[in-house]
Amino acid sequence: MMNLMEWANSLVARLRFILLRAALRAAGFDIVSTRRICNQAKEAQSTVRAREQERAEIHMLAQGLGLLRRESRSDYERVIATFFPGHKSSTTLSDMDHRQLLNILRAWKCARAVQKDRAVTAA
């Protein structure tokens, strides 16, 4: 159980916090909303990082499938334009379309691997 001195110290600490928060609010600074904004910024950064990782994987898959070559991007652009009319690059796609392109390329790679296995087994 808390003795009288601990209780008094706890009460003083709470009062200090309440007074500090009131003073900051009076000056136009809200601790709670600032914290919320910081958390939103962190979430946005993690979303950007995830999109960059997806973009890197898209490019790796496209290169592995032979769509992206040093001399030409035309096959890659044609595939994107086929599935997403009006777009030629993965950077212009919405987040949902971006993930959909990634899944399309993953499935394509998987299908090619199965096709190669069947060809090896048949031979």
PDB file of N, CA and C in Angstrom:
ATOM      1  N   MET A   1       0.837  -1.179   0.000  1.00  0.00           N
ATOM      2  CA  MET A   1       0.000   0.000   0.000  1.00  0.00           C
ATOM      3  C   MET A   1       0.882   1.243   0.000  1.00  0.00           C
ATOM      4  N   MET A   2       0.418   2.261  -0.630  1.00  0.00           N
ATOM      5  CA  MET A   2       1.172   3.496  -0.787  1.00  0.00           C
ATOM      6  C   MET A   2       1.120   4.295   0.523  1.00  0.00           C
ATOM      7  N   ASN A   3       2.314   4.735   1.016  1.00  0.00           N
ATOM      8  CA  ASN A   3       2.290   5.561   2.221  1.00  0.00           C
ATOM      9  C   ASN A   3       1.967   7.008   1.856  1.00  0.00           C
ATOM     10  N   LEU A   4       1.814   7.842   2.812  1.00  0.00           N
ATOM     11  CA  LEU A   4       1.378   9.214   2.613  1.00  0.00           C
ATOM     12  C   LEU A   4       2.369  10.004   1.757  1.00  0.00           C
ATOM     13  N   MET A   5       3.661   9.805   1.966  1.00  0.00           N
ATOM     14  CA  MET A   5       4.682  10.558   1.227  1.00  0.00           C
ATOM     15  C   MET A   5       4.672  10.177  -0.268  1.00  0.00           C
ATOM     16  N   GLU A   6       4.561   8.883  -0.564  1.00  0.00           N
ATOM     17  CA  GLU A   6       4.494   8.440  -1.965  1.00  0.00           C
ATOM     18  C   GLU A   6       3.246   8.995  -2.643  1.00  0.00           C
ATOM     19  N   TRP A   7       2.131   8.975  -1.910  1.00  0.00           N
ATOM     20  CA  TRP A   7       0.887   9.495  -2.454  1.00  0.00           C
ATOM     21  C   TRP A   7       0.997  10.984  -2.759  1.00  0.00           C
ATOM     22  N   ALA A   8       1.627  11.738  -1.854  1.00  0.00           N
ATOM     23  CA  ALA A   8       1.799  13.181  -2.045  1.00  0.00           C
ATOM     24  C   ALA A   8       2.690  13.449  -3.252  1.00  0.00           C
ATOM     25  N   ASN A   9       3.784  12.695  -3.385  1.00  0.00           N
ATOM     26  CA  ASN A   9       4.689  12.862  -4.531  1.00  0.00           C
ATOM     27  C   ASN A   9       3.969  12.532  -5.835  1.00  0.00           C
ATOM     28  N   SER A  10       3.166  11.478  -5.805  1.00  0.00           N
ATOM     29  CA  SER A  10       2.404  11.091  -6.989  1.00  0.00           C
ATOM     30  C   SER A  10       1.407  12.184  -7.370  1.00  0.00           C
ATOM     31  N   LEU A  11       0.737  12.735  -6.362  1.00  0.00           N
ATOM     32  CA  LEU A  11      -0.221  13.798  -6.607  1.00  0.00           C
ATOM     33  C   LEU A  11       0.447  15.037  -7.180  1.00  0.00           C
ATOM     34  N   VAL A  12       1.611  15.403  -6.625  1.00  0.00           N
ATOM     35  CA  VAL A  12       2.355  16.566  -7.118  1.00  0.00           C
ATOM     36  C   VAL A  12       2.782  16.355  -8.562  1.00  0.00           C
ATOM     37  N   ALA A  13       3.246  15.152  -8.892  1.00  0.00           N
ATOM     38  CA  ALA A  13       3.668  14.859 -10.263  1.00  0.00           C
ATOM     39  C   ALA A  13       2.492  14.982 -11.228  1.00  0.00           C
ATOM     40  N   ARG A  14       1.324  14.462 -10.831  1.00  0.00           N
ATOM     41  CA  ARG A  14       0.140  14.574 -11.691  1.00  0.00           C
ATOM     42  C   ARG A  14      -0.276  16.020 -11.884  1.00  0.00           C
ATOM     43  N   LEU A  15      -0.250  16.783 -10.793  1.00  0.00           N
ATOM     44  CA  LEU A  15      -0.614  18.197 -10.892  1.00  0.00           C
ATOM     45  C   LEU A  15       0.348  18.968 -11.788  1.00  0.00           C
ATOM     46  N   ARG A  16       1.656  18.658 -11.667  1.00  0.00           N
ATOM     47  CA  ARG A  16       2.648  19.314 -12.540  1.00  0.00           C
ATOM     48  C   ARG A  16       2.344  19.024 -14.008  1.00  0.00           C
ATOM     49  N   PHE A  17       2.037  17.760 -14.302  1.00  0.00           N
ATOM     50  CA  PHE A  17       1.724  17.386 -15.680  1.00  0.00           C
ATOM     51  C   PHE A  17       0.488  18.125 -16.172  1.00  0.00           C
ATOM     52  N   ILE A  18      -0.560  18.170 -15.343  1.00  0.00           N
ATOM     53  CA  ILE A  18      -1.794  18.846 -15.742  1.00  0.00           C
ATOM     54  C   ILE A  18      -1.547  20.324 -15.988  1.00  0.00           C
ATOM     55  N   LEU A  19      -0.768  20.960 -15.113  1.00  0.00           N
ATOM     56  CA  LEU A  19      -0.467  22.385 -15.280  1.00  0.00           C
ATOM     57  C   LEU A  19       0.403  22.633 -16.511  1.00  0.00           C
ATOM     58  N   LEU A  20       1.388  21.774 -16.726  1.00  0.00           N
ATOM     59  CA  LEU A  20       2.251  21.926 -17.909  1.00  0.00           C
ATOM     60  C   LEU A  20       1.433  21.776 -19.184  1.00  0.00           C
ATOM     61  N   ARG A  21       0.561  20.769 -19.221  1.00  0.00           N
ATOM     62  CA  ARG A  21      -0.279  20.564 -20.404  1.00  0.00           C
ATOM     63  C   ARG A  21      -1.205  21.753 -20.637  1.00  0.00           C
ATOM     64  N   ALA A  22      -1.781  22.290 -19.570  1.00  0.00           N
ATOM     65  CA  ALA A  22      -2.664  23.450 -19.690  1.00  0.00           C
ATOM     66  C   ALA A  22      -1.889  24.661 -20.207  1.00  0.00           C
ATOM     67  N   ALA A  23      -0.667  24.843 -19.713  1.00  0.00           N
ATOM     68  CA  ALA A  23       0.143  25.979 -20.165  1.00  0.00           C
ATOM     69  C   ALA A  23       0.520  25.828 -21.639  1.00  0.00           C
ATOM     70  N   LEU A  24       0.872  24.619 -22.028  1.00  0.00           N
ATOM     71  CA  LEU A  24       1.229  24.383 -23.432  1.00  0.00           C
ATOM     72  C   LEU A  24       0.018  24.580 -24.341  1.00  0.00           C
ATOM     73  N   ARG A  25      -1.144  24.109 -23.893  1.00  0.00           N
ATOM     74  CA  ARG A  25      -2.364  24.312 -24.690  1.00  0.00           C
ATOM     75  C   ARG A  25      -2.684  25.790 -24.826  1.00  0.00           C
ATOM     76  N   ALA A  26      -2.500  26.535 -23.759  1.00  0.00           N
ATOM     77  CA  ALA A  26      -2.768  27.979 -23.804  1.00  0.00           C
ATOM     78  C   ALA A  26      -1.841  28.663 -24.802  1.00  0.00           C
ATOM     79  N   ALA A  27      -0.635  28.108 -24.964  1.00  0.00           N
ATOM     80  CA  ALA A  27       0.323  28.674 -25.916  1.00  0.00           C
ATOM     81  C   ALA A  27       0.061  28.162 -27.335  1.00  0.00           C
ATOM     82  N   GLY A  28      -0.946  27.271 -27.492  1.00  0.00           N
ATOM     83  CA  GLY A  28      -1.285  26.779 -28.823  1.00  0.00           C
ATOM     84  C   GLY A  28      -0.618  25.471 -29.187  1.00  0.00           C
ATOM     85  N   PHE A  29      -0.062  24.764 -28.209  1.00  0.00           N
ATOM     86  CA  PHE A  29       0.635  23.495 -28.460  1.00  0.00           C
ATOM     87  C   PHE A  29      -0.126  22.380 -27.760  1.00  0.00           C
ATOM     88  N   ASP A  30      -0.627  21.414 -28.534  1.00  0.00           N
ATOM     89  CA  ASP A  30      -1.374  20.301 -27.966  1.00  0.00           C
ATOM     90  C   ASP A  30      -0.526  19.037 -28.062  1.00  0.00           C
ATOM     91  N   ILE A  31      -0.165  18.499 -26.907  1.00  0.00           N
ATOM     92  CA  ILE A  31       0.711  17.324 -26.853  1.00  0.00           C
ATOM     93  C   ILE A  31       0.060  16.126 -27.531  1.00  0.00           C
ATOM     94  N   VAL A  32      -1.219  15.915 -27.282  1.00  0.00           N
ATOM     95  CA  VAL A  32      -1.911  14.741 -27.820  1.00  0.00           C
ATOM     96  C   VAL A  32      -1.967  14.795 -29.343  1.00  0.00           C
ATOM     97  N   SER A  33      -2.341  15.944 -29.907  1.00  0.00           N
ATOM     98  CA  SER A  33      -2.425  16.024 -31.372  1.00  0.00           C
ATOM     99  C   SER A  33      -1.038  15.952 -32.001  1.00  0.00           C
ATOM    100  N   THR A  34      -0.029  16.485 -31.321  1.00  0.00           N
ATOM    101  CA  THR A  34       1.340  16.405 -31.842  1.00  0.00           C
ATOM    102  C   THR A  34       1.779  14.953 -31.909  1.00  0.00           C
ATOM    103  N   ARG A  35       1.452  14.200 -30.882  1.00  0.00           N
ATOM    104  CA  ARG A  35       1.807  12.781 -30.868  1.00  0.00           C
ATOM    105  C   ARG A  35       1.079  12.037 -31.989  1.00  0.00           C
ATOM    106  N   ARG A  36      -0.193  12.358 -32.194  1.00  0.00           N
ATOM    107  CA  ARG A  36      -0.976  11.732 -33.256  1.00  0.00           C
ATOM    108  C   ARG A  36      -0.360  12.030 -34.622  1.00  0.00           C
ATOM    109  N   ILE A  37       0.041  13.281 -34.819  1.00  0.00           N
ATOM    110  CA  ILE A  37       0.650  13.679 -36.096  1.00  0.00           C
ATOM    111  C   ILE A  37       1.966  12.938 -36.308  1.00  0.00           C
ATOM    112  N   CYS A  38       2.761  12.808 -35.254  1.00  0.00           N
ATOM    113  CA  CYS A  38       4.031  12.073 -35.369  1.00  0.00           C
ATOM    114  C   CYS A  38       3.787  10.611 -35.734  1.00  0.00           C
ATOM    115  N   ASN A  39       2.775  10.002 -35.117  1.00  0.00           N
ATOM    116  CA  ASN A  39       2.450   8.606 -35.440  1.00  0.00           C
ATOM    117  C   ASN A  39       1.984   8.460 -36.881  1.00  0.00           C
ATOM    118  N   GLN A  40       1.207   9.427 -37.361  1.00  0.00           N
ATOM    119  CA  GLN A  40       0.757   9.390 -38.754  1.00  0.00           C
ATOM    120  C   GLN A  40       1.938   9.522 -39.704  1.00  0.00           C
ATOM    121  N   ALA A  41       2.908  10.370 -39.347  1.00  0.00           N
ATOM    122  CA  ALA A  41       4.101  10.539 -40.185  1.00  0.00           C
ATOM    123  C   ALA A  41       4.906   9.248 -40.235  1.00  0.00           C
ATOM    124  N   LYS A  42       5.019   8.560 -39.098  1.00  0.00           N
ATOM    125  CA  LYS A  42       5.749   7.284 -39.075  1.00  0.00           C
ATOM    126  C   LYS A  42       5.053   6.246 -39.946  1.00  0.00           C
ATOM    127  N   GLU A  43       3.721   6.199 -39.885  1.00  0.00           N
ATOM    128  CA  GLU A  43       2.966   5.265 -40.718  1.00  0.00           C
ATOM    129  C   GLU A  43       3.164   5.574 -42.198  1.00  0.00           C
ATOM    130  N   ALA A  44       3.182   6.859 -42.537  1.00  0.00           N
ATOM    131  CA  ALA A  44       3.379   7.254 -43.937  1.00  0.00           C
ATOM    132  C   ALA A  44       4.765   6.838 -44.413  1.00  0.00           C
ATOM    133  N   GLN A  45       5.782   6.991 -43.547  1.00  0.00           N
ATOM    134  CA  GLN A  45       7.134   6.583 -43.921  1.00  0.00           C
ATOM    135  C   GLN A  45       7.213   5.079 -44.155  1.00  0.00           C
ATOM    136  N   SER A  46       6.548   4.301 -43.297  1.00  0.00           N
ATOM    137  CA  SER A  46       6.593   2.853 -43.474  1.00  0.00           C
ATOM    138  C   SER A  46       5.860   2.444 -44.755  1.00  0.00           C
ATOM    139  N   THR A  47       4.800   3.165 -45.109  1.00  0.00           N
ATOM    140  CA  THR A  47       4.081   2.901 -46.351  1.00  0.00           C
ATOM    141  C   THR A  47       4.979   3.185 -47.556  1.00  0.00           C
ATOM    142  N   VAL A  48       5.733   4.290 -47.480  1.00  0.00           N
ATOM    143  CA  VAL A  48       6.650   4.648 -48.573  1.00  0.00           C
ATOM    144  C   VAL A  48       7.733   3.583 -48.703  1.00  0.00           C
ATOM    145  N   ARG A  49       8.273   3.123 -47.574  1.00  0.00           N
ATOM    146  CA  ARG A  49       9.300   2.074 -47.626  1.00  0.00           C
ATOM    147  C   ARG A  49       8.748   0.790 -48.235  1.00  0.00           C
ATOM    148  N   ALA A  50       7.540   0.424 -47.847  1.00  0.00           N
ATOM    149  CA  ALA A  50       6.928  -0.797 -48.391  1.00  0.00           C
ATOM    150  C   ALA A  50       6.732  -0.664 -49.894  1.00  0.00           C
ATOM    151  N   ARG A  51       6.292   0.495 -50.350  1.00  0.00           N
ATOM    152  CA  ARG A  51       6.088   0.704 -51.791  1.00  0.00           C
ATOM    153  C   ARG A  51       7.422   0.638 -52.532  1.00  0.00           C
ATOM    154  N   GLU A  52       8.484   1.189 -51.941  1.00  0.00           N
ATOM    155  CA  GLU A  52       9.805   1.131 -52.577  1.00  0.00           C
ATOM    156  C   GLU A  52      10.287  -0.316 -52.684  1.00  0.00           C
ATOM    157  N   GLN A  53      10.032  -1.112 -51.651  1.00  0.00           N
ATOM    158  CA  GLN A  53      10.413  -2.524 -51.701  1.00  0.00           C
ATOM    159  C   GLN A  53       9.614  -3.269 -52.762  1.00  0.00           C
ATOM    160  N   GLU A  54       8.330  -2.965 -52.849  1.00  0.00           N
ATOM    161  CA  GLU A  54       7.490  -3.593 -53.882  1.00  0.00           C
ATOM    162  C   GLU A  54       7.975  -3.200 -55.266  1.00  0.00           C
ATOM    163  N   ARG A  55       8.328  -1.929 -55.428  1.00  0.00           N
ATOM    164  CA  ARG A  55       8.807  -1.454 -56.725  1.00  0.00           C
ATOM    165  C   ARG A  55      10.097  -2.165 -57.125  1.00  0.00           C
ATOM    166  N   ALA A  56      10.987  -2.340 -56.151  1.00  0.00           N
ATOM    167  CA  ALA A  56      12.237  -3.050 -56.433  1.00  0.00           C
ATOM    168  C   ALA A  56      11.957  -4.495 -56.839  1.00  0.00           C
ATOM    169  N   GLU A  57      11.000  -5.139 -56.157  1.00  0.00           N
ATOM    170  CA  GLU A  57      10.652  -6.513 -56.509  1.00  0.00           C
ATOM    171  C   GLU A  57      10.011  -6.584 -57.893  1.00  0.00           C
ATOM    172  N   ILE A  58       9.167  -5.596 -58.212  1.00  0.00           N
ATOM    173  CA  ILE A  58       8.560  -5.539 -59.550  1.00  0.00           C
ATOM    174  C   ILE A  58       9.644  -5.473 -60.613  1.00  0.00           C
ATOM    175  N   HIS A  59      10.628  -4.627 -60.405  1.00  0.00           N
ATOM    176  CA  HIS A  59      11.698  -4.488 -61.398  1.00  0.00           C
ATOM    177  C   HIS A  59      12.543  -5.754 -61.489  1.00  0.00           C
ATOM    178  N   MET A  60      12.799  -6.406 -60.339  1.00  0.00           N
ATOM    179  CA  MET A  60      13.551  -7.663 -60.374  1.00  0.00           C
ATOM    180  C   MET A  60      12.793  -8.737 -61.143  1.00  0.00           C
ATOM    181  N   LEU A  61      11.500  -8.850 -60.859  1.00  0.00           N
ATOM    182  CA  LEU A  61      10.683  -9.838 -61.570  1.00  0.00           C
ATOM    183  C   LEU A  61      10.615  -9.527 -63.059  1.00  0.00           C
ATOM    184  N   ALA A  62      10.447  -8.260 -63.399  1.00  0.00           N
ATOM    185  CA  ALA A  62      10.363  -7.862 -64.810  1.00  0.00           C
ATOM    186  C   ALA A  62      11.663  -8.179 -65.532  1.00  0.00           C
ATOM    187  N   GLN A  63      12.790  -7.966 -64.870  1.00  0.00           N
ATOM    188  CA  GLN A  63      14.072  -8.302 -65.489  1.00  0.00           C
ATOM    189  C   GLN A  63      14.208  -9.811 -65.648  1.00  0.00           C
ATOM    190  N   GLY A  64      13.792 -10.556 -64.621  1.00  0.00           N
ATOM    191  CA  GLY A  64      13.857 -12.015 -64.687  1.00  0.00           C
ATOM    192  C   GLY A  64      12.966 -12.595 -65.769  1.00  0.00           C
ATOM    193  N   LEU A  65      11.849 -11.938 -66.042  1.00  0.00           N
ATOM    194  CA  LEU A  65      10.934 -12.396 -67.088  1.00  0.00           C
ATOM    195  C   LEU A  65      11.331 -11.883 -68.471  1.00  0.00           C
ATOM    196  N   GLY A  66      12.370 -11.050 -68.530  1.00  0.00           N
ATOM    197  CA  GLY A  66      12.828 -10.526 -69.810  1.00  0.00           C
ATOM    198  C   GLY A  66      12.060  -9.318 -70.306  1.00  0.00           C
ATOM    199  N   LEU A  67      11.278  -8.704 -69.435  1.00  0.00           N
ATOM    200  CA  LEU A  67      10.497  -7.529 -69.848  1.00  0.00           C
ATOM    201  C   LEU A  67      11.315  -6.252 -69.785  1.00  0.00           C
ATOM    202  N   LEU A  68      12.218  -6.193 -68.838  1.00  0.00           N
ATOM    203  CA  LEU A  68      13.083  -5.009 -68.688  1.00  0.00           C
ATOM    204  C   LEU A  68      14.496  -5.392 -69.109  1.00  0.00           C
ATOM    205  N   ARG A  69      14.967  -4.733 -70.127  1.00  0.00           N
ATOM    206  CA  ARG A  69      16.334  -4.951 -70.580  1.00  0.00           C
ATOM    207  C   ARG A  69      17.016  -3.594 -70.673  1.00  0.00           C
ATOM    208  N   ARG A  70      18.317  -3.610 -70.679  1.00  0.00           N
ATOM    209  CA  ARG A  70      19.055  -2.338 -70.742  1.00  0.00           C
ATOM    210  C   ARG A  70      18.724  -1.538 -71.989  1.00  0.00           C
ATOM    211  N   GLU A  71      18.521  -2.241 -73.079  1.00  0.00           N
ATOM    212  CA  GLU A  71      18.298  -1.534 -74.345  1.00  0.00           C
ATOM    213  C   GLU A  71      16.842  -1.132 -74.560  1.00  0.00           C
ATOM    214  N   SER A  72      15.900  -1.775 -73.824  1.00  0.00           N
ATOM    215  CA  SER A  72      14.500  -1.477 -74.104  1.00  0.00           C
ATOM    216  C   SER A  72      13.609  -1.727 -72.896  1.00  0.00           C
ATOM    217  N   ARG A  73      12.638  -0.823 -72.715  1.00  0.00           N
ATOM    218  CA  ARG A  73      11.600  -0.989 -71.696  1.00  0.00           C
ATOM    219  C   ARG A  73      10.242  -1.222 -72.355  1.00  0.00           C
ATOM    220  N   SER A  74      10.230  -1.339 -73.667  1.00  0.00           N
ATOM    221  CA  SER A  74       8.957  -1.371 -74.386  1.00  0.00           C
ATOM    222  C   SER A  74       8.074  -2.553 -73.977  1.00  0.00           C
ATOM    223  N   ASP A  75       8.650  -3.737 -73.763  1.00  0.00           N
ATOM    224  CA  ASP A  75       7.849  -4.890 -73.343  1.00  0.00           C
ATOM    225  C   ASP A  75       7.230  -4.637 -71.972  1.00  0.00           C
ATOM    226  N   TYR A  76       8.014  -4.095 -71.066  1.00  0.00           N
ATOM    227  CA  TYR A  76       7.550  -3.774 -69.706  1.00  0.00           C
ATOM    228  C   TYR A  76       6.412  -2.761 -69.766  1.00  0.00           C
ATOM    229  N   GLU A  77       6.603  -1.711 -70.554  1.00  0.00           N
ATOM    230  CA  GLU A  77       5.569  -0.681 -70.689  1.00  0.00           C
ATOM    231  C   GLU A  77       4.305  -1.245 -71.330  1.00  0.00           C
ATOM    232  N   ARG A  78       4.466  -2.157 -72.273  1.00  0.00           N
ATOM    233  CA  ARG A  78       3.321  -2.771 -72.943  1.00  0.00           C
ATOM    234  C   ARG A  78       2.516  -3.626 -71.970  1.00  0.00           C
ATOM    235  N   VAL A  79       3.202  -4.367 -71.106  1.00  0.00           N
ATOM    236  CA  VAL A  79       2.509  -5.197 -70.113  1.00  0.00           C
ATOM    237  C   VAL A  79       1.719  -4.314 -69.150  1.00  0.00           C
ATOM    238  N   ILE A  80       2.340  -3.241 -68.674  1.00  0.00           N
ATOM    239  CA  ILE A  80       1.645  -2.336 -67.752  1.00  0.00           C
ATOM    240  C   ILE A  80       0.447  -1.695 -68.446  1.00  0.00           C
ATOM    241  N   ALA A  81       0.632  -1.259 -69.688  1.00  0.00           N
ATOM    242  CA  ALA A  81      -0.464  -0.615 -70.422  1.00  0.00           C
ATOM    243  C   ALA A  81      -1.601  -1.600 -70.701  1.00  0.00           C
ATOM    244  N   THR A  82      -1.273  -2.885 -70.852  1.00  0.00           N
ATOM    245  CA  THR A  82      -2.309  -3.893 -71.093  1.00  0.00           C
ATOM    246  C   THR A  82      -3.200  -4.063 -69.868  1.00  0.00           C
ATOM    247  N   PHE A  83      -2.589  -4.187 -68.710  1.00  0.00           N
ATOM    248  CA  PHE A  83      -3.359  -4.413 -67.489  1.00  0.00           C
ATOM    249  C   PHE A  83      -3.907  -3.120 -66.873  1.00  0.00           C
ATOM    250  N   PHE A  84      -3.203  -2.015 -67.103  1.00  0.00           N
ATOM    251  CA  PHE A  84      -3.593  -0.728 -66.506  1.00  0.00           C
ATOM    252  C   PHE A  84      -3.562   0.351 -67.586  1.00  0.00           C
ATOM    253  N   PRO A  85      -4.621   0.467 -68.366  1.00  0.00           N
ATOM    254  CA  PRO A  85      -4.649   1.427 -69.480  1.00  0.00           C
ATOM    255  C   PRO A  85      -4.327   2.847 -69.005  1.00  0.00           C
ATOM    256  N   GLY A  86      -3.516   3.503 -69.821  1.00  0.00           N
ATOM    257  CA  GLY A  86      -3.136   4.882 -69.511  1.00  0.00           C
ATOM    258  C   GLY A  86      -1.852   4.988 -68.704  1.00  0.00           C
ATOM    259  N   HIS A  87      -1.264   3.859 -68.337  1.00  0.00           N
ATOM    260  CA  HIS A  87      -0.026   3.871 -67.548  1.00  0.00           C
ATOM    261  C   HIS A  87       1.078   3.151 -68.307  1.00  0.00           C
ATOM    262  N   LYS A  88       2.299   3.636 -68.142  1.00  0.00           N
ATOM    263  CA  LYS A  88       3.452   2.982 -68.755  1.00  0.00           C
ATOM    264  C   LYS A  88       4.518   2.630 -67.724  1.00  0.00           C
ATOM    265  N   SER A  89       4.316   3.061 -66.475  1.00  0.00           N
ATOM    266  CA  SER A  89       5.311   2.848 -65.437  1.00  0.00           C
ATOM    267  C   SER A  89       4.612   2.455 -64.143  1.00  0.00           C
ATOM    268  N   SER A  90       5.286   1.667 -63.319  1.00  0.00           N
ATOM    269  CA  SER A  90       4.690   1.245 -62.047  1.00  0.00           C
ATOM    270  C   SER A  90       4.612   2.408 -61.057  1.00  0.00           C
ATOM    271  N   THR A  91       5.407   3.438 -61.264  1.00  0.00           N
ATOM    272  CA  THR A  91       5.386   4.573 -60.331  1.00  0.00           C
ATOM    273  C   THR A  91       4.111   5.399 -60.437  1.00  0.00           C
ATOM    274  N   THR A  92       3.407   5.306 -61.560  1.00  0.00           N
ATOM    275  CA  THR A  92       2.181   6.095 -61.720  1.00  0.00           C
ATOM    276  C   THR A  92       0.935   5.349 -61.258  1.00  0.00           C
ATOM    277  N   LEU A  93       1.103   4.097 -60.845  1.00  0.00           N
ATOM    278  CA  LEU A  93      -0.040   3.288 -60.420  1.00  0.00           C
ATOM    279  C   LEU A  93      -0.452   3.618 -58.985  1.00  0.00           C
ATOM    280  N   SER A  94      -1.731   3.404 -58.690  1.00  0.00           N
ATOM    281  CA  SER A  94      -2.205   3.549 -57.310  1.00  0.00           C
ATOM    282  C   SER A  94      -1.622   2.406 -56.479  1.00  0.00           C
ATOM    283  N   ASP A  95      -1.746   2.503 -55.164  1.00  0.00           N
ATOM    284  CA  ASP A  95      -1.201   1.457 -54.295  1.00  0.00           C
ATOM    285  C   ASP A  95      -1.818   0.093 -54.604  1.00  0.00           C
ATOM    286  N   MET A  96      -3.127   0.075 -54.822  1.00  0.00           N
ATOM    287  CA  MET A  96      -3.806  -1.190 -55.109  1.00  0.00           C
ATOM    288  C   MET A  96      -3.336  -1.764 -56.450  1.00  0.00           C
ATOM    289  N   ASP A  97      -3.248  -0.920 -57.473  1.00  0.00           N
ATOM    290  CA  ASP A  97      -2.785  -1.384 -58.784  1.00  0.00           C
ATOM    291  C   ASP A  97      -1.325  -1.826 -58.719  1.00  0.00           C
ATOM    292  N   HIS A  98      -0.547  -1.142 -57.910  1.00  0.00           N
ATOM    293  CA  HIS A  98       0.865  -1.475 -57.733  1.00  0.00           C
ATOM    294  C   HIS A  98       1.001  -2.891 -57.188  1.00  0.00           C
ATOM    295  N   ARG A  99       0.223  -3.207 -56.150  1.00  0.00           N
ATOM    296  CA  ARG A  99       0.248  -4.553 -55.575  1.00  0.00           C
ATOM    297  C   ARG A  99      -0.287  -5.586 -56.564  1.00  0.00           C
ATOM    298  N   GLN A 100      -1.282  -5.182 -57.340  1.00  0.00           N
ATOM    299  CA  GLN A 100      -1.843  -6.095 -58.332  1.00  0.00           C
ATOM    300  C   GLN A 100      -0.800  -6.429 -59.403  1.00  0.00           C
ATOM    301  N   LEU A 101      -0.052  -5.433 -59.854  1.00  0.00           N
ATOM    302  CA  LEU A 101       1.027  -5.677 -60.819  1.00  0.00           C
ATOM    303  C   LEU A 101       2.061  -6.626 -60.229  1.00  0.00           C
ATOM    304  N   LEU A 102       2.412  -6.411 -58.974  1.00  0.00           N
ATOM    305  CA  LEU A 102       3.371  -7.289 -58.311  1.00  0.00           C
ATOM    306  C   LEU A 102       2.855  -8.726 -58.291  1.00  0.00           C
ATOM    307  N   ASN A 103       1.598  -8.907 -57.959  1.00  0.00           N
ATOM    308  CA  ASN A 103       1.019 -10.259 -57.934  1.00  0.00           C
ATOM    309  C   ASN A 103       0.953 -10.883 -59.323  1.00  0.00           C
ATOM    310  N   ILE A 104       0.681 -10.070 -60.341  1.00  0.00           N
ATOM    311  CA  ILE A 104       0.649 -10.566 -61.724  1.00  0.00           C
ATOM    312  C   ILE A 104       2.026 -11.086 -62.125  1.00  0.00           C
ATOM    313  N   LEU A 105       3.064 -10.300 -61.822  1.00  0.00           N
ATOM    314  CA  LEU A 105       4.424 -10.708 -62.187  1.00  0.00           C
ATOM    315  C   LEU A 105       4.876 -11.936 -61.399  1.00  0.00           C
ATOM    316  N   ARG A 106       4.489 -12.016 -60.123  1.00  0.00           N
ATOM    317  CA  ARG A 106       4.817 -13.204 -59.326  1.00  0.00           C
ATOM    318  C   ARG A 106       4.163 -14.451 -59.923  1.00  0.00           C
ATOM    319  N   ALA A 107       2.886 -14.318 -60.296  1.00  0.00           N
ATOM    320  CA  ALA A 107       2.169 -15.451 -60.888  1.00  0.00           C
ATOM    321  C   ALA A 107       2.795 -15.850 -62.223  1.00  0.00           C
ATOM    322  N   TRP A 108       3.189 -14.858 -62.993  1.00  0.00           N
ATOM    323  CA  TRP A 108       3.815 -15.119 -64.295  1.00  0.00           C
ATOM    324  C   TRP A 108       5.122 -15.889 -64.107  1.00  0.00           C
ATOM    325  N   LYS A 109       5.910 -15.471 -63.117  1.00  0.00           N
ATOM    326  CA  LYS A 109       7.175 -16.147 -62.843  1.00  0.00           C
ATOM    327  C   LYS A 109       6.914 -17.587 -62.411  1.00  0.00           C
ATOM    328  N   CYS A 110       5.913 -17.771 -61.576  1.00  0.00           N
ATOM    329  CA  CYS A 110       5.545 -19.104 -61.098  1.00  0.00           C
ATOM    330  C   CYS A 110       5.109 -19.989 -62.271  1.00  0.00           C
ATOM    331  N   ALA A 111       4.297 -19.439 -63.145  1.00  0.00           N
ATOM    332  CA  ALA A 111       3.817 -20.193 -64.307  1.00  0.00           C
ATOM    333  C   ALA A 111       4.977 -20.601 -65.210  1.00  0.00           C
ATOM    334  N   ARG A 112       5.944 -19.705 -65.380  1.00  0.00           N
ATOM    335  CA  ARG A 112       7.118 -20.040 -66.198  1.00  0.00           C
ATOM    336  C   ARG A 112       7.922 -21.163 -65.567  1.00  0.00           C
ATOM    337  N   ALA A 113       8.054 -21.139 -64.233  1.00  0.00           N
ATOM    338  CA  ALA A 113       8.800 -22.187 -63.535  1.00  0.00           C
ATOM    339  C   ALA A 113       8.106 -23.539 -63.705  1.00  0.00           C
ATOM    340  N   VAL A 114       6.797 -23.561 -63.607  1.00  0.00           N
ATOM    341  CA  VAL A 114       6.028 -24.801 -63.793  1.00  0.00           C
ATOM    342  C   VAL A 114       6.187 -25.294 -65.225  1.00  0.00           C
ATOM    343  N   GLN A 115       6.154 -24.366 -66.177  1.00  0.00           N
ATOM    344  CA  GLN A 115       6.303 -24.724 -67.588  1.00  0.00           C
ATOM    345  C   GLN A 115       7.675 -25.350 -67.835  1.00  0.00           C
ATOM    346  N   LYS A 116       8.718 -24.776 -67.228  1.00  0.00           N
ATOM    347  CA  LYS A 116      10.068 -25.328 -67.402  1.00  0.00           C
ATOM    348  C   LYS A 116      10.173 -26.713 -66.780  1.00  0.00           C
ATOM    349  N   ASP A 117       9.554 -26.884 -65.603  1.00  0.00           N
ATOM    350  CA  ASP A 117       9.577 -28.210 -64.956  1.00  0.00           C
ATOM    351  C   ASP A 117       8.891 -29.266 -65.798  1.00  0.00           C
ATOM    352  N   ARG A 118       7.768 -28.898 -66.418  1.00  0.00           N
ATOM    353  CA  ARG A 118       7.064 -29.828 -67.289  1.00  0.00           C
ATOM    354  C   ARG A 118       7.887 -30.187 -68.517  1.00  0.00           C
ATOM    355  N   ALA A 119       8.602 -29.192 -69.051  1.00  0.00           N
ATOM    356  CA  ALA A 119       9.434 -29.444 -70.225  1.00  0.00           C
ATOM    357  C   ALA A 119      10.582 -30.377 -69.873  1.00  0.00           C
ATOM    358  N   VAL A 120      11.166 -30.187 -68.691  1.00  0.00           N
ATOM    359  CA  VAL A 120      12.270 -31.051 -68.257  1.00  0.00           C
ATOM    360  C   VAL A 120      11.757 -32.455 -67.995  1.00  0.00           C
ATOM    361  N   THR A 121      10.588 -32.568 -67.365  1.00  0.00           N
ATOM    362  CA  THR A 121      10.004 -33.886 -67.054  1.00  0.00           C
ATOM    363  C   THR A 121       9.622 -34.632 -68.337  1.00  0.00           C
ATOM    364  N   ALA A 122       9.111 -33.915 -69.327  1.00  0.00           N
ATOM    365  CA  ALA A 122       8.692 -34.549 -70.583  1.00  0.00           C
ATOM    366  C   ALA A 122       9.882 -35.030 -71.393  1.00  0.00           C
ATOM    367  N   ALA A 123      11.026 -34.380 -71.230  1.00  0.00           N
ATOM    368  CA  ALA A 123      12.197 -34.742 -72.021  1.00  0.00           C
ATOM    369  C   ALA A 123      12.907 -35.926 -71.472  1.00  0.00           C
TER     370      ALA A 123
END
